[in-house]
Amino acid sequence: MIAEVMADAGTRMDRAVEAAKDDFATVRTGRANPQMFQKILVDYYGTPTPLAQLASLNNAEARTLVVTPYDKSALKAIEQAIRDMPNLGANPTNDGNLVRVTLPELTQERRKEYVKIVRTKGEDAKVHVRGIRRKAKDDLDALKSEIGEDEIARADKELDSLTRAHVDAIDDALKRKEAELLEV
């Protein structure tokens, strides 16, 4: 019973850390990266559709990304979705076949804004991991009548170390992203 609760909490915390890393990847650095466009939803025939399902994304140059839609009728919608994307600052151009997205050079002030955004995302991820810990703790407390208090206390310590390890993993990813953002 305790092992099941711990395994479930560990799996969910692993997914939370991976989600945080994916979320960090959507914040732009100095280079154009297709992962930045991962969360863009395009209004495709009235349905919000992820950009990756509508087009291929390629790096043409360090700060230029080429978006080639599979369906040419979606060009205007793709261009509009990229333009409306917050914190990107890009101005896409449409030549009738593809969309070129040139990212402006990052200023030091803009880099610091992105660091704040990444820190907020990191804190949200840590809050999520702590929420998973809280639920697992509640599940363990519900088992007190069936299992001795010593076993529950040991499981609590193990849960705390599991939580600490996952929070540390988020902090490490956050530090790497901050360093990447502040690198000129």
C-alpha atoms as a PDB file:
ATOM      1  CA  MET A   1       0.000   0.000   0.000  1.00  0.00           C
ATOM      2  CA  ILE A   2       2.724   2.460   0.999  1.00  0.00           C
ATOM      3  CA  ALA A   3       4.819   1.415  -1.999  1.00  0.00           C
ATOM      4  CA  GLU A   4       1.890   2.125  -4.341  1.00  0.00           C
ATOM      5  CA  VAL A   5       1.367   5.612  -2.893  1.00  0.00           C
ATOM      6  CA  MET A   6       5.108   6.357  -3.133  1.00  0.00           C
ATOM      7  CA  ALA A   7       5.377   4.999  -6.696  1.00  0.00           C
ATOM      8  CA  ASP A   8       2.370   7.047  -7.812  1.00  0.00           C
ATOM      9  CA  ALA A   9       3.746  10.211  -6.189  1.00  0.00           C
ATOM     10  CA  GLY A  10       7.183   9.618  -7.749  1.00  0.00           C
ATOM     11  CA  THR A  11       5.708   9.123 -11.220  1.00  0.00           C
ATOM     12  CA  ARG A  12       3.548  12.217 -10.949  1.00  0.00           C
ATOM     13  CA  MET A  13       6.485  14.295  -9.669  1.00  0.00           C
ATOM     14  CA  ASP A  14       8.650  13.060 -12.567  1.00  0.00           C
ATOM     15  CA  ARG A  15       5.960  14.205 -14.998  1.00  0.00           C
ATOM     16  CA  ALA A  16       5.771  17.582 -13.230  1.00  0.00           C
ATOM     17  CA  VAL A  17       9.544  18.060 -13.609  1.00  0.00           C
ATOM     18  CA  GLU A  18       9.370  17.134 -17.314  1.00  0.00           C
ATOM     19  CA  ALA A  19       6.444  19.526 -17.814  1.00  0.00           C
ATOM     20  CA  ALA A  20       8.473  22.288 -16.155  1.00  0.00           C
ATOM     21  CA  LYS A  21      11.430  21.618 -18.462  1.00  0.00           C
ATOM     22  CA  ASP A  22       9.121  21.700 -21.494  1.00  0.00           C
ATOM     23  CA  ASP A  23       7.613  24.929 -20.210  1.00  0.00           C
ATOM     24  CA  PHE A  24      11.084  26.462 -19.808  1.00  0.00           C
ATOM     25  CA  ALA A  25      11.864  25.514 -23.414  1.00  0.00           C
ATOM     26  CA  THR A  26       8.969  27.672 -24.648  1.00  0.00           C
ATOM     27  CA  VAL A  27      10.672  30.823 -23.330  1.00  0.00           C
ATOM     28  CA  ARG A  28      12.901  32.226 -26.021  1.00  0.00           C
ATOM     29  CA  THR A  29      16.600  32.751 -25.694  1.00  0.00           C
ATOM     30  CA  GLY A  30      18.843  34.508 -28.201  1.00  0.00           C
ATOM     31  CA  ARG A  31      18.424  31.748 -30.794  1.00  0.00           C
ATOM     32  CA  ALA A  32      15.315  30.677 -32.680  1.00  0.00           C
ATOM     33  CA  ASN A  33      14.158  27.307 -31.411  1.00  0.00           C
ATOM     34  CA  PRO A  34      11.140  25.314 -32.690  1.00  0.00           C
ATOM     35  CA  GLN A  35      10.255  24.401 -29.077  1.00  0.00           C
ATOM     36  CA  MET A  36       9.310  28.039 -28.453  1.00  0.00           C
ATOM     37  CA  PHE A  37       6.349  27.493 -30.766  1.00  0.00           C
ATOM     38  CA  GLN A  38       5.248  24.302 -29.020  1.00  0.00           C
ATOM     39  CA  LYS A  39       2.348  25.905 -27.140  1.00  0.00           C
ATOM     40  CA  ILE A  40       1.007  28.081 -29.945  1.00  0.00           C
ATOM     41  CA  LEU A  41      -2.584  27.210 -30.796  1.00  0.00           C
ATOM     42  CA  VAL A  42      -3.841  28.164 -34.260  1.00  0.00           C
ATOM     43  CA  ASP A  43      -7.542  28.739 -34.953  1.00  0.00           C
ATOM     44  CA  TYR A  44      -7.885  26.130 -37.710  1.00  0.00           C
ATOM     45  CA  TYR A  45     -11.454  26.022 -39.027  1.00  0.00           C
ATOM     46  CA  GLY A  46     -12.774  27.102 -35.637  1.00  0.00           C
ATOM     47  CA  THR A  47     -10.734  24.586 -33.637  1.00  0.00           C
ATOM     48  CA  PRO A  48      -7.654  25.550 -31.593  1.00  0.00           C
ATOM     49  CA  THR A  49      -4.959  23.279 -33.051  1.00  0.00           C
ATOM     50  CA  PRO A  50      -1.283  23.043 -31.999  1.00  0.00           C
ATOM     51  CA  LEU A  51       1.020  24.627 -34.571  1.00  0.00           C
ATOM     52  CA  ALA A  52       3.155  21.462 -34.769  1.00  0.00           C
ATOM     53  CA  GLN A  53       0.136  19.573 -36.194  1.00  0.00           C
ATOM     54  CA  LEU A  54      -0.394  22.157 -38.936  1.00  0.00           C
ATOM     55  CA  ALA A  55       3.139  22.906 -40.095  1.00  0.00           C
ATOM     56  CA  SER A  56       6.772  21.893 -40.020  1.00  0.00           C
ATOM     57  CA  LEU A  57       9.192  24.153 -38.166  1.00  0.00           C
ATOM     58  CA  ASN A  58      12.815  24.593 -39.301  1.00  0.00           C
ATOM     59  CA  ASN A  59      15.703  26.809 -38.265  1.00  0.00           C
ATOM     60  CA  ALA A  60      16.880  28.774 -41.274  1.00  0.00           C
ATOM     61  CA  GLU A  61      19.369  30.897 -39.356  1.00  0.00           C
ATOM     62  CA  ALA A  62      20.219  31.639 -35.722  1.00  0.00           C
ATOM     63  CA  ARG A  63      17.302  34.039 -35.260  1.00  0.00           C
ATOM     64  CA  THR A  64      15.010  32.939 -38.095  1.00  0.00           C
ATOM     65  CA  LEU A  65      12.485  30.126 -38.051  1.00  0.00           C
ATOM     66  CA  VAL A  66      10.644  28.906 -41.152  1.00  0.00           C
ATOM     67  CA  VAL A  67       7.103  27.592 -40.688  1.00  0.00           C
ATOM     68  CA  THR A  68       5.884  25.527 -43.651  1.00  0.00           C
ATOM     69  CA  PRO A  69       2.164  24.713 -43.368  1.00  0.00           C
ATOM     70  CA  TYR A  70       0.840  21.396 -44.628  1.00  0.00           C
ATOM     71  CA  ASP A  71      -2.340  23.183 -45.718  1.00  0.00           C
ATOM     72  CA  LYS A  72      -1.675  26.515 -47.488  1.00  0.00           C
ATOM     73  CA  SER A  73      -5.126  27.808 -46.506  1.00  0.00           C
ATOM     74  CA  ALA A  74      -3.936  27.949 -42.882  1.00  0.00           C
ATOM     75  CA  LEU A  75      -1.146  30.468 -43.651  1.00  0.00           C
ATOM     76  CA  LYS A  76      -3.029  33.553 -42.435  1.00  0.00           C
ATOM     77  CA  ALA A  77      -4.220  31.820 -39.251  1.00  0.00           C
ATOM     78  CA  ILE A  78      -0.689  30.589 -38.475  1.00  0.00           C
ATOM     79  CA  GLU A  79       0.760  34.045 -39.071  1.00  0.00           C
ATOM     80  CA  GLN A  80      -1.872  35.618 -36.791  1.00  0.00           C
ATOM     81  CA  ALA A  81      -1.324  33.041 -34.014  1.00  0.00           C
ATOM     82  CA  ILE A  82       2.440  33.685 -34.042  1.00  0.00           C
ATOM     83  CA  ARG A  83       1.885  37.446 -34.009  1.00  0.00           C
ATOM     84  CA  ASP A  84      -0.517  37.129 -31.041  1.00  0.00           C
ATOM     85  CA  MET A  85       1.889  34.948 -29.033  1.00  0.00           C
ATOM     86  CA  PRO A  86       2.841  36.855 -25.842  1.00  0.00           C
ATOM     87  CA  ASN A  87       6.495  37.310 -24.851  1.00  0.00           C
ATOM     88  CA  LEU A  88       7.761  36.421 -28.323  1.00  0.00           C
ATOM     89  CA  GLY A  89       8.149  39.856 -29.905  1.00  0.00           C
ATOM     90  CA  ALA A  90       8.385  38.361 -33.385  1.00  0.00           C
ATOM     91  CA  ASN A  91       6.947  39.771 -36.571  1.00  0.00           C
ATOM     92  CA  PRO A  92       6.122  36.916 -38.963  1.00  0.00           C
ATOM     93  CA  THR A  93       6.125  37.476 -42.722  1.00  0.00           C
ATOM     94  CA  ASN A  94       4.043  35.436 -45.130  1.00  0.00           C
ATOM     95  CA  ASP A  95       5.224  34.895 -48.717  1.00  0.00           C
ATOM     96  CA  GLY A  96       2.279  32.762 -49.854  1.00  0.00           C
ATOM     97  CA  ASN A  97       3.972  29.401 -49.260  1.00  0.00           C
ATOM     98  CA  LEU A  98       5.557  29.699 -45.837  1.00  0.00           C
ATOM     99  CA  VAL A  99       5.889  31.972 -42.831  1.00  0.00           C
ATOM    100  CA  ARG A 100       9.281  33.369 -41.849  1.00  0.00           C
ATOM    101  CA  VAL A 101       9.626  34.389 -38.221  1.00  0.00           C
ATOM    102  CA  THR A 102      12.608  36.602 -37.461  1.00  0.00           C
ATOM    103  CA  LEU A 103      13.199  37.123 -33.770  1.00  0.00           C
ATOM    104  CA  PRO A 104      14.591  40.493 -32.714  1.00  0.00           C
ATOM    105  CA  GLU A 105      17.858  40.698 -30.824  1.00  0.00           C
ATOM    106  CA  LEU A 106      17.301  40.436 -27.078  1.00  0.00           C
ATOM    107  CA  THR A 107      18.159  43.461 -24.976  1.00  0.00           C
ATOM    108  CA  GLN A 108      19.504  43.051 -21.448  1.00  0.00           C
ATOM    109  CA  GLU A 109      16.229  44.404 -20.071  1.00  0.00           C
ATOM    110  CA  ARG A 110      14.207  41.887 -22.097  1.00  0.00           C
ATOM    111  CA  ARG A 111      16.467  39.051 -20.930  1.00  0.00           C
ATOM    112  CA  LYS A 112      15.762  40.011 -17.314  1.00  0.00           C
ATOM    113  CA  GLU A 113      12.021  39.986 -18.043  1.00  0.00           C
ATOM    114  CA  TYR A 114      12.368  36.467 -19.455  1.00  0.00           C
ATOM    115  CA  VAL A 115      14.291  35.389 -16.337  1.00  0.00           C
ATOM    116  CA  LYS A 116      11.350  36.615 -14.229  1.00  0.00           C
ATOM    117  CA  ILE A 117       8.935  34.664 -16.412  1.00  0.00           C
ATOM    118  CA  VAL A 118      11.045  31.505 -16.094  1.00  0.00           C
ATOM    119  CA  ARG A 119      11.297  31.914 -12.318  1.00  0.00           C
ATOM    120  CA  THR A 120       7.509  32.214 -12.108  1.00  0.00           C
ATOM    121  CA  LYS A 121       7.121  29.047 -14.180  1.00  0.00           C
ATOM    122  CA  GLY A 122       9.650  27.305 -11.936  1.00  0.00           C
ATOM    123  CA  GLU A 123       7.800  28.357  -8.791  1.00  0.00           C
ATOM    124  CA  ASP A 124       4.517  27.108 -10.294  1.00  0.00           C
ATOM    125  CA  ALA A 125       6.146  23.758 -10.997  1.00  0.00           C
ATOM    126  CA  LYS A 126       7.475  23.527  -7.428  1.00  0.00           C
ATOM    127  CA  VAL A 127       4.001  24.338  -6.080  1.00  0.00           C
ATOM    128  CA  HIS A 128       2.623  21.521  -8.244  1.00  0.00           C
ATOM    129  CA  VAL A 129       5.210  19.064  -6.863  1.00  0.00           C
ATOM    130  CA  ARG A 130       4.316  20.137  -3.324  1.00  0.00           C
ATOM    131  CA  GLY A 131       0.639  19.591  -4.133  1.00  0.00           C
ATOM    132  CA  ILE A 132       1.457  16.038  -5.232  1.00  0.00           C
ATOM    133  CA  ARG A 133       3.337  15.585  -1.948  1.00  0.00           C
ATOM    134  CA  ARG A 134       0.330  16.861   0.015  1.00  0.00           C
ATOM    135  CA  LYS A 135      -2.013  14.402  -1.709  1.00  0.00           C
ATOM    136  CA  ALA A 136       0.397  11.515  -1.132  1.00  0.00           C
ATOM    137  CA  LYS A 137       0.684  12.548   2.543  1.00  0.00           C
ATOM    138  CA  ASP A 138      -3.114  12.517   2.834  1.00  0.00           C
ATOM    139  CA  ASP A 139      -3.187   9.058   1.244  1.00  0.00           C
ATOM    140  CA  LEU A 140      -0.583   7.844   3.735  1.00  0.00           C
ATOM    141  CA  ASP A 141      -2.506   9.334   6.664  1.00  0.00           C
ATOM    142  CA  ALA A 142      -5.611   7.476   5.475  1.00  0.00           C
ATOM    143  CA  LEU A 143      -3.629   4.217   5.828  1.00  0.00           C
ATOM    144  CA  LYS A 144      -2.789   4.841   9.517  1.00  0.00           C
ATOM    145  CA  SER A 145      -5.560   2.534  10.727  1.00  0.00           C
ATOM    146  CA  GLU A 146      -4.245  -0.371   8.626  1.00  0.00           C
ATOM    147  CA  ILE A 147      -0.501   0.184   9.007  1.00  0.00           C
ATOM    148  CA  GLY A 148       1.530   1.186  12.057  1.00  0.00           C
ATOM    149  CA  GLU A 149       2.557   4.760  12.750  1.00  0.00           C
ATOM    150  CA  ASP A 150       6.242   3.858  12.487  1.00  0.00           C
ATOM    151  CA  GLU A 151       5.763   2.711   8.891  1.00  0.00           C
ATOM    152  CA  ILE A 152       3.843   5.910   8.097  1.00  0.00           C
ATOM    153  CA  ALA A 153       6.593   8.037   9.679  1.00  0.00           C
ATOM    154  CA  ARG A 154       9.244   6.244   7.574  1.00  0.00           C
ATOM    155  CA  ALA A 155       7.127   6.745   4.457  1.00  0.00           C
ATOM    156  CA  ASP A 156       6.742  10.456   5.314  1.00  0.00           C
ATOM    157  CA  LYS A 157      10.521  10.865   5.493  1.00  0.00           C
ATOM    158  CA  GLU A 158      10.900   9.031   2.175  1.00  0.00           C
ATOM    159  CA  LEU A 159       8.195  11.253   0.648  1.00  0.00           C
ATOM    160  CA  ASP A 160      10.003  14.361   1.902  1.00  0.00           C
ATOM    161  CA  SER A 161      13.288  13.246   0.335  1.00  0.00           C
ATOM    162  CA  LEU A 162      11.474  12.392  -2.924  1.00  0.00           C
ATOM    163  CA  THR A 163       9.888  15.849  -2.939  1.00  0.00           C
ATOM    164  CA  ARG A 164      13.226  17.528  -2.179  1.00  0.00           C
ATOM    165  CA  ALA A 165      14.896  15.653  -5.050  1.00  0.00           C
ATOM    166  CA  HIS A 166      12.232  16.762  -7.524  1.00  0.00           C
ATOM    167  CA  VAL A 167      12.260  20.374  -6.320  1.00  0.00           C
ATOM    168  CA  ASP A 168      16.068  20.328  -6.685  1.00  0.00           C
ATOM    169  CA  ALA A 169      15.688  19.001 -10.245  1.00  0.00           C
ATOM    170  CA  ILE A 170      13.368  21.910 -11.065  1.00  0.00           C
ATOM    171  CA  ASP A 171      15.860  24.351  -9.489  1.00  0.00           C
ATOM    172  CA  ASP A 172      18.698  22.881 -11.586  1.00  0.00           C
ATOM    173  CA  ALA A 173      16.684  23.222 -14.797  1.00  0.00           C
ATOM    174  CA  LEU A 174      15.780  26.765 -13.760  1.00  0.00           C
ATOM    175  CA  LYS A 175      19.442  27.691 -13.176  1.00  0.00           C
ATOM    176  CA  ARG A 176      20.428  26.282 -16.590  1.00  0.00           C
ATOM    177  CA  LYS A 177      17.653  28.250 -18.308  1.00  0.00           C
ATOM    178  CA  GLU A 178      18.587  31.458 -16.452  1.00  0.00           C
ATOM    179  CA  ALA A 179      22.221  31.051 -17.499  1.00  0.00           C
ATOM    180  CA  GLU A 180      21.108  30.443 -21.085  1.00  0.00           C
ATOM    181  CA  LEU A 181      18.908  33.551 -21.024  1.00  0.00           C
ATOM    182  CA  LEU A 182      21.559  35.837 -19.566  1.00  0.00           C
ATOM    183  CA  GLU A 183      24.275  34.583 -21.953  1.00  0.00           C
ATOM    184  CA  VAL A 184      24.986  37.256 -24.531  1.00  0.00           C
END
